């Protein structure tokens, strides 16, 4: 949805840049030694701009224009606009997939914070060993013997992903984790109790690691702000990352070993990736078709006042209904109602529900939408 929104915003910019090219073409040449007919240039610019705007609205070009300068200017503006659209179409599609992949990098980065804590404890021990006076601070060395921590950092899948995806904390960002360790973890009651005790059970080790992720890492404002700087969608992605981390720690039970596979972003990322790409491409390719469908089924609504996000949600839902035959219509409608709750206006839920219900019923009855697959009765 965000990729489609960004593309449509870029489309408006491309349109304005094409008009700017027409204006530049008919701007007086201030360096020319020949006298400039400013009135003629102004007239050509206005006619060319009108011609381009008409083409933009109808995608048909008036072939009656006889002025070669105007024809050339309009044709060049059209070519420029179309080329920019192609670039934006590809760019935002690529950005969409990279944004999803980035979620997995955040997941690995979050797990890697434990690696940084281990390193900081090691540095702390080295400084303590060089001191001439005895420190009153309790040694954090017992945490290094935490069996869940050891299993996580020794996990082959984790180590492989870290290397292959080049996951590491930049030196500047390490200061945030260093502060988190010194001012939060080092003063945390559960952590202090743990390092002050003797031998620990596996369950106690497990509980401490879960506590650190849940109550320290995911609640630290400075660390979360750092993730927000890296990812404009962190507010939504944070929930996914937190879920992946929690499930990973849960999998590190007493029976697991270093060969335990880390979680994937989804159960089948390749299929999900193909789904994202097709939904993005087809929604934009059939934009006019879905626009007409939506407009023909809206009553008592000012078309110009419909939120752009609502229109995008409706178009994506219609596209999903059309091309993904194994997804039940009700599932699609419910999913996009939930999306509207997160991203659109308070009234959008009822509006989208009403429009999609009406469209789904009509398109299913006339056979435009056909559903088939396991657990589905054809066309229902």
Protein backbone atom coordinates (compact mmCIF):
# COMPACT_ATOMS: atom_id res chain seq x y z
CA UNK A 1 0.00 0.00 0.00
CA UNK A 2 2.75 2.43 0.91
CA UNK A 3 4.61 1.64 -2.31
CA UNK A 4 1.49 2.35 -4.37
CA UNK A 5 0.87 5.56 -2.44
CA UNK A 6 4.47 6.68 -3.04
CA UNK A 7 4.20 5.84 -6.75
CA UNK A 8 1.01 7.88 -7.13
CA UNK A 9 2.60 10.83 -5.36
CA UNK A 10 5.58 10.54 -7.73
CA UNK A 11 3.19 10.39 -10.68
CA UNK A 12 1.87 13.83 -9.75
CA UNK A 13 5.43 15.15 -9.55
CA UNK A 14 6.26 13.63 -12.96
CA UNK A 15 3.25 15.41 -14.45
CA UNK A 16 4.39 18.77 -13.07
CA UNK A 17 7.97 18.19 -14.27
CA UNK A 18 6.67 17.45 -17.78
CA UNK A 19 4.80 20.77 -17.75
CA UNK A 20 7.98 22.47 -16.54
CA UNK A 21 9.81 21.11 -19.58
CA UNK A 22 7.21 22.69 -21.85
CA UNK A 23 7.61 26.00 -20.05
CA UNK A 24 11.41 25.83 -20.34
CA UNK A 25 11.20 25.05 -24.05
CA UNK A 26 9.26 28.26 -24.74
CA UNK A 27 11.11 30.49 -22.32
CA UNK A 28 12.82 33.44 -24.04
CA UNK A 29 16.51 32.84 -24.78
CA UNK A 30 18.15 35.68 -22.87
CA UNK A 31 21.52 34.99 -24.50
CA UNK A 32 20.22 35.12 -28.08
CA UNK A 33 21.32 37.98 -30.31
CA UNK A 34 18.06 37.62 -32.25
CA UNK A 35 14.97 39.48 -31.00
CA UNK A 36 12.54 37.23 -29.11
CA UNK A 37 8.81 37.25 -29.90
CA UNK A 38 7.66 36.89 -26.32
CA UNK A 39 3.96 36.94 -27.19
CA UNK A 40 4.41 34.11 -29.68
CA UNK A 41 6.43 32.06 -27.19
CA UNK A 42 3.82 32.63 -24.50
CA UNK A 43 1.05 31.51 -26.85
CA UNK A 44 2.97 28.39 -27.90
CA UNK A 45 3.65 27.52 -24.28
CA UNK A 46 -0.01 27.84 -23.31
CA UNK A 47 -1.24 25.77 -26.28
CA UNK A 48 1.40 23.08 -25.67
CA UNK A 49 0.50 22.94 -21.96
CA UNK A 50 -3.22 22.61 -22.76
CA UNK A 51 -2.48 19.90 -25.31
CA UNK A 52 -0.37 17.94 -22.82
CA UNK A 53 -3.02 18.28 -20.09
CA UNK A 54 -5.67 16.98 -22.50
CA UNK A 55 -3.46 14.02 -23.35
CA UNK A 56 -2.89 13.39 -19.65
CA UNK A 57 -6.62 13.24 -19.01
CA UNK A 58 -7.60 11.15 -22.05
CA UNK A 59 -4.32 9.49 -23.15
CA UNK A 60 -5.22 10.68 -26.66
CA UNK A 61 -3.25 13.29 -28.57
CA UNK A 62 -4.83 15.91 -30.84
CA UNK A 63 -3.30 15.34 -34.28
CA UNK A 64 -4.67 18.61 -35.71
CA UNK A 65 -1.85 20.73 -34.30
CA UNK A 66 0.18 22.24 -37.16
CA UNK A 67 2.87 24.17 -35.27
CA UNK A 68 5.95 21.87 -35.33
CA UNK A 69 7.42 23.54 -32.24
CA UNK A 70 4.28 22.84 -30.21
CA UNK A 71 4.02 19.25 -31.50
CA UNK A 72 7.65 18.57 -30.63
CA UNK A 73 7.31 20.11 -27.16
CA UNK A 74 4.18 18.07 -26.37
CA UNK A 75 5.66 14.82 -27.71
CA UNK A 76 8.84 15.31 -25.72
CA UNK A 77 6.84 16.07 -22.55
CA UNK A 78 4.81 12.87 -23.06
CA UNK A 79 7.93 10.77 -23.60
CA UNK A 80 9.58 12.32 -20.55
CA UNK A 81 6.49 11.68 -18.41
CA UNK A 82 6.16 8.06 -19.56
CA UNK A 83 9.86 7.34 -18.99
CA UNK A 84 9.70 8.81 -15.50
CA UNK A 85 6.66 6.68 -14.71
CA UNK A 86 8.48 3.53 -15.80
CA UNK A 87 11.43 4.42 -13.57
CA UNK A 88 9.16 5.17 -10.60
CA UNK A 89 7.16 1.99 -11.16
CA UNK A 90 10.31 -0.09 -10.94
CA UNK A 91 11.89 1.98 -8.18
CA UNK A 92 8.99 1.83 -5.72
CA UNK A 93 8.41 -1.86 -6.44
CA UNK A 94 12.04 -2.53 -5.58
CA UNK A 95 11.84 -0.28 -2.51
CA UNK A 96 8.79 -2.21 -1.33
CA UNK A 97 10.65 -5.52 -1.35
CA UNK A 98 13.75 -3.99 0.21
CA UNK A 99 11.59 -2.54 3.00
CA UNK A 100 10.23 -6.02 3.75
CA UNK A 101 13.73 -7.52 3.67
CA UNK A 102 14.85 -4.79 6.05
CA UNK A 103 12.48 -6.18 8.68
CA UNK A 104 14.59 -9.33 8.79
CA UNK A 105 17.76 -7.28 9.17
CA UNK A 106 16.17 -5.50 12.15
CA UNK A 107 15.37 -8.91 13.65
CA UNK A 108 19.01 -10.00 13.33
CA UNK A 109 20.25 -6.63 14.58
CA UNK A 110 18.07 -6.99 17.66
CA UNK A 111 19.40 -10.47 18.42
CA UNK A 112 22.91 -9.12 17.87
CA UNK A 113 22.51 -6.71 20.78
CA UNK A 114 23.27 -9.69 23.03
CA UNK A 115 26.59 -10.03 21.19
CA UNK A 116 27.32 -6.38 21.99
CA UNK A 117 26.43 -6.88 25.66
CA UNK A 118 28.88 -9.79 25.83
CA UNK A 119 31.60 -7.61 24.31
CA UNK A 120 30.86 -4.78 26.78
CA UNK A 121 31.05 -7.19 29.71
CA UNK A 122 34.42 -8.39 28.41
CA UNK A 123 35.71 -4.79 28.20
CA UNK A 124 34.38 -4.18 31.71
CA UNK A 125 36.28 -7.18 33.05
CA UNK A 126 39.51 -6.01 31.39
CA UNK A 127 39.16 -2.57 33.00
CA UNK A 128 38.47 -4.17 36.39
CA UNK A 129 41.57 -6.35 36.11
CA UNK A 130 43.73 -3.25 35.57
CA UNK A 131 42.31 -1.36 38.55
CA UNK A 132 44.51 -0.80 41.60
CA UNK A 133 41.51 -0.49 43.89
CA UNK A 134 38.69 -2.96 44.29
CA UNK A 135 35.41 -2.05 42.55
CA UNK A 136 32.12 -2.17 44.41
CA UNK A 137 30.15 -2.98 41.26
CA UNK A 138 29.03 -6.59 40.96
CA UNK A 139 30.72 -8.48 38.14
CA UNK A 140 28.42 -9.26 35.20
CA UNK A 141 30.53 -12.34 34.36
CA UNK A 142 27.79 -14.80 35.54
CA UNK A 143 25.62 -13.56 32.67
CA UNK A 144 28.20 -14.92 30.21
CA UNK A 145 27.42 -18.40 31.55
CA UNK A 146 23.74 -18.02 30.73
CA UNK A 147 22.98 -21.16 28.71
CA UNK A 148 20.26 -19.54 26.56
CA UNK A 149 22.59 -16.67 25.70
CA UNK A 150 25.32 -19.15 24.77
CA UNK A 151 22.97 -21.16 22.56
CA UNK A 152 21.82 -18.05 20.74
CA UNK A 153 25.29 -16.74 19.98
CA UNK A 154 26.62 -20.18 19.04
CA UNK A 155 23.70 -20.90 16.72
CA UNK A 156 25.05 -21.71 13.24
CA UNK A 157 22.03 -20.27 11.46
CA UNK A 158 22.38 -16.99 13.37
CA UNK A 159 26.10 -16.77 12.63
CA UNK A 160 25.54 -17.56 8.94
CA UNK A 161 22.84 -14.90 8.52
CA UNK A 162 24.94 -12.28 10.30
CA UNK A 163 27.82 -12.85 7.88
CA UNK A 164 25.80 -13.29 4.68
CA UNK A 165 23.61 -10.25 5.29
CA UNK A 166 26.50 -8.18 6.67
CA UNK A 167 24.64 -7.38 9.88
CA UNK A 168 26.59 -5.20 12.29
CA UNK A 169 26.12 -2.20 14.51
CA UNK A 170 27.90 0.93 13.27
CA UNK A 171 30.38 2.48 15.69
CA UNK A 172 28.20 5.58 16.13
CA UNK A 173 25.17 3.44 16.98
CA UNK A 174 27.13 1.34 19.47
CA UNK A 175 27.06 4.33 21.83
CA UNK A 176 23.30 3.85 22.21
CA UNK A 177 23.75 0.20 23.20
CA UNK A 178 26.63 1.10 25.49
CA UNK A 179 24.38 3.58 27.29
CA UNK A 180 21.61 0.99 27.41
CA UNK A 181 24.00 -1.44 29.09
CA UNK A 182 25.40 1.08 31.59
CA UNK A 183 22.29 3.00 32.56
CA UNK A 184 19.53 0.41 32.17
CA UNK A 185 20.71 -3.21 32.15
CA UNK A 186 23.40 -2.63 34.79
CA UNK A 187 20.77 -1.14 37.10
CA UNK A 188 17.98 -3.57 36.30
CA UNK A 189 16.78 -5.43 39.40
CA UNK A 190 16.24 -8.77 37.65
CA UNK A 191 19.70 -8.61 36.06
CA UNK A 192 21.41 -7.67 39.34
CA UNK A 193 19.63 -10.48 41.17
CA UNK A 194 20.74 -12.94 38.50
CA UNK A 195 24.44 -12.01 38.55
CA UNK A 196 24.42 -11.96 42.35
CA UNK A 197 23.15 -15.52 42.66
CA UNK A 198 24.93 -18.81 42.26
CA UNK A 199 24.12 -21.51 39.74
CA UNK A 200 20.95 -21.03 37.72
CA UNK A 201 18.48 -23.44 36.21
CA UNK A 202 17.83 -23.41 32.49
CA UNK A 203 14.39 -21.92 33.18
CA UNK A 204 15.98 -19.03 35.10
CA UNK A 205 18.40 -18.45 32.22
CA UNK A 206 15.48 -18.46 29.82
CA UNK A 207 13.43 -16.03 31.87
CA UNK A 208 16.27 -13.53 32.14
CA UNK A 209 16.93 -13.45 28.38
CA UNK A 210 13.20 -13.01 27.69
CA UNK A 211 13.10 -10.23 30.29
CA UNK A 212 16.02 -8.38 28.71
CA UNK A 213 14.43 -8.38 25.25
CA UNK A 214 10.89 -7.61 26.43
CA UNK A 215 11.48 -5.05 29.18
CA UNK A 216 14.81 -3.49 28.27
CA UNK A 217 15.61 -3.71 24.57
CA UNK A 218 12.08 -3.21 23.20
CA UNK A 219 11.23 -0.53 25.76
CA UNK A 220 14.33 1.63 25.59
CA UNK A 221 13.34 4.94 23.96
CA UNK A 222 16.81 5.77 22.66
CA UNK A 223 17.24 2.38 21.00
CA UNK A 224 13.74 2.49 19.49
CA UNK A 225 14.43 6.00 18.18
CA UNK A 226 17.53 4.63 16.48
CA UNK A 227 15.44 2.00 14.71
CA UNK A 228 12.96 4.70 13.69
CA UNK A 229 15.78 6.68 12.07
CA UNK A 230 16.74 3.61 10.05
CA UNK A 231 13.20 2.64 9.09
CA UNK A 232 10.31 5.05 8.53
CA UNK A 233 7.91 2.11 9.02
CA UNK A 234 9.43 1.02 12.33
CA UNK A 235 6.22 1.66 14.28
CA UNK A 236 4.50 -1.14 12.34
CA UNK A 237 7.60 -3.28 11.76
CA UNK A 238 8.53 -3.25 15.43
CA UNK A 239 5.62 -5.58 16.19
CA UNK A 240 6.85 -8.09 13.59
CA UNK A 241 10.45 -7.93 14.84
CA UNK A 242 9.35 -8.34 18.44
CA UNK A 243 7.26 -11.37 17.48
CA UNK A 244 10.20 -12.96 15.62
CA UNK A 245 12.56 -12.37 18.55
CA UNK A 246 10.11 -13.76 21.12
CA UNK A 247 9.49 -16.89 19.06
CA UNK A 248 13.24 -17.37 18.55
CA UNK A 249 13.96 -17.21 22.28
CA UNK A 250 11.11 -19.62 22.94
CA UNK A 251 12.64 -22.10 20.47
CA UNK A 252 15.92 -22.05 22.40
CA UNK A 253 14.71 -24.65 24.87
CA UNK A 254 16.86 -27.11 26.77
CA UNK A 255 16.68 -29.67 23.96
CA UNK A 256 17.82 -27.31 21.16
CA UNK A 257 21.38 -27.21 19.85
CA UNK A 258 23.50 -25.01 17.58
CA UNK A 259 21.84 -26.49 14.47
CA UNK A 260 18.44 -24.99 15.28
CA UNK A 261 17.30 -22.94 12.27
CA UNK A 262 16.38 -19.31 12.88
CA UNK A 263 12.91 -18.21 11.91
CA UNK A 264 12.28 -16.95 8.40
CA UNK A 265 10.42 -13.73 7.71
CA UNK A 266 7.48 -15.89 6.64
CA UNK A 267 6.77 -19.58 6.20
CA UNK A 268 7.44 -19.23 2.46
CA UNK A 269 9.12 -15.92 1.66
CA UNK A 270 9.53 -16.67 -2.05
CA UNK A 271 5.77 -17.16 -2.46
CA UNK A 272 5.04 -14.09 -0.36
CA UNK A 273 7.53 -12.05 -2.38
CA UNK A 274 5.80 -13.10 -5.61
CA UNK A 275 2.44 -12.17 -4.04
CA UNK A 276 3.68 -8.66 -3.11
CA UNK A 277 5.14 -8.06 -6.55
CA UNK A 278 2.05 -9.22 -8.42
CA UNK A 279 -0.34 -7.28 -6.21
CA UNK A 280 1.74 -4.10 -6.63
CA UNK A 281 2.12 -4.48 -10.40
CA UNK A 282 -1.45 -5.52 -11.18
CA UNK A 283 -3.06 -2.90 -8.93
CA UNK A 284 -1.19 -0.13 -10.75
CA UNK A 285 -1.58 -1.66 -14.20
CA UNK A 286 -5.36 -1.93 -13.78
CA UNK A 287 -5.74 1.34 -11.87
CA UNK A 288 -8.18 2.88 -14.38
CA UNK A 289 -10.37 -0.21 -14.38
CA UNK A 290 -10.60 -0.30 -10.59
CA UNK A 291 -11.13 3.46 -10.41
CA UNK A 292 -14.16 3.15 -12.69
CA UNK A 293 -15.55 0.23 -10.69
CA UNK A 294 -15.25 2.12 -7.42
CA UNK A 295 -16.72 5.35 -8.78
CA UNK A 296 -19.71 3.51 -10.24
CA UNK A 297 -20.61 2.05 -6.85
CA UNK A 298 -20.30 5.13 -4.66
CA UNK A 299 -23.49 6.88 -3.68
CA UNK A 300 -23.83 10.01 -1.60
CA UNK A 301 -20.06 10.45 -1.54
CA UNK A 302 -18.12 13.38 -2.97
CA UNK A 303 -15.58 11.63 -5.19
CA UNK A 304 -13.02 14.40 -4.70
CA UNK A 305 -13.21 14.05 -0.92
CA UNK A 306 -12.54 10.31 -0.77
CA UNK A 307 -9.19 9.79 0.97
CA UNK A 308 -6.46 8.67 -1.43
CA UNK A 309 -5.50 5.90 1.01
CA UNK A 310 -9.09 4.61 0.93
CA UNK A 311 -9.02 4.43 -2.86
CA UNK A 312 -5.72 2.58 -2.81
CA UNK A 313 -7.06 0.11 -0.23
CA UNK A 314 -10.17 -0.50 -2.35
CA UNK A 315 -8.11 -1.01 -5.52
CA UNK A 316 -5.73 -3.43 -3.84
CA UNK A 317 -8.66 -5.40 -2.42
CA UNK A 318 -10.32 -5.60 -5.84
CA UNK A 319 -7.06 -6.67 -7.42
CA UNK A 320 -6.56 -9.39 -4.80
CA UNK A 321 -10.11 -10.65 -5.37
CA UNK A 322 -9.52 -10.82 -9.12
CA UNK A 323 -6.12 -12.44 -9.44
CA UNK A 324 -5.67 -14.59 -6.33
CA UNK A 325 -8.35 -17.21 -6.77
CA UNK A 326 -7.44 -19.25 -3.69
CA UNK A 327 -8.04 -16.37 -1.26
CA UNK A 328 -11.69 -16.23 -0.10
CA UNK A 329 -13.46 -12.93 -0.71
CA UNK A 330 -14.37 -12.55 2.97
CA UNK A 331 -10.72 -12.96 3.97
CA UNK A 332 -9.68 -10.21 1.54
CA UNK A 333 -12.40 -7.83 2.76
CA UNK A 334 -11.52 -8.40 6.42
CA UNK A 335 -7.81 -7.88 5.77
CA UNK A 336 -8.31 -4.54 4.05
CA UNK A 337 -10.76 -3.34 6.69
CA UNK A 338 -8.00 -3.99 9.26
CA UNK A 339 -5.52 -2.08 7.10
CA UNK A 340 -7.93 0.87 6.92
CA UNK A 341 -8.10 0.96 10.73
CA UNK A 342 -4.34 1.39 10.90
CA UNK A 343 -3.72 3.80 8.03
CA UNK A 344 -6.85 5.75 7.17
CA UNK A 345 -9.60 7.88 8.72
CA UNK A 346 -11.97 6.83 11.53
CA UNK A 347 -14.88 6.53 9.06
CA UNK A 348 -12.91 4.53 6.49
CA UNK A 349 -13.75 1.15 8.02
CA UNK A 350 -17.48 1.47 7.34
CA UNK A 351 -16.93 3.05 3.92
CA UNK A 352 -14.53 0.37 2.70
CA UNK A 353 -16.62 -2.44 4.13
CA UNK A 354 -19.74 -1.15 2.39
CA UNK A 355 -18.10 -0.61 -1.01
CA UNK A 356 -16.25 -3.93 -1.02
CA UNK A 357 -19.33 -5.89 0.08
CA UNK A 358 -21.37 -4.40 -2.74
CA UNK A 359 -18.65 -4.85 -5.37
CA UNK A 360 -17.76 -8.38 -4.28
CA UNK A 361 -21.36 -9.54 -4.47
CA UNK A 362 -21.93 -8.06 -7.91
CA UNK A 363 -18.62 -9.22 -9.40
CA UNK A 364 -19.05 -12.71 -7.99
CA UNK A 365 -22.58 -13.00 -9.37
CA UNK A 366 -21.54 -11.93 -12.88
CA UNK A 367 -18.51 -14.25 -12.83
CA UNK A 368 -15.83 -11.53 -12.89
CA UNK A 369 -14.52 -12.85 -9.58
CA UNK A 370 -14.14 -16.61 -9.47
CA UNK A 371 -12.78 -18.47 -6.48
CA UNK A 372 -11.51 -22.03 -6.52
CA UNK A 373 -9.16 -24.17 -4.52
CA UNK A 374 -8.97 -26.32 -1.45
CA UNK A 375 -11.82 -25.57 0.93
CA UNK A 376 -13.56 -23.27 -1.55
CA UNK A 377 -16.69 -23.82 -3.56
CA UNK A 378 -16.13 -22.43 -7.04
CA UNK A 379 -17.11 -18.77 -7.29
CA UNK A 380 -18.16 -18.44 -3.63
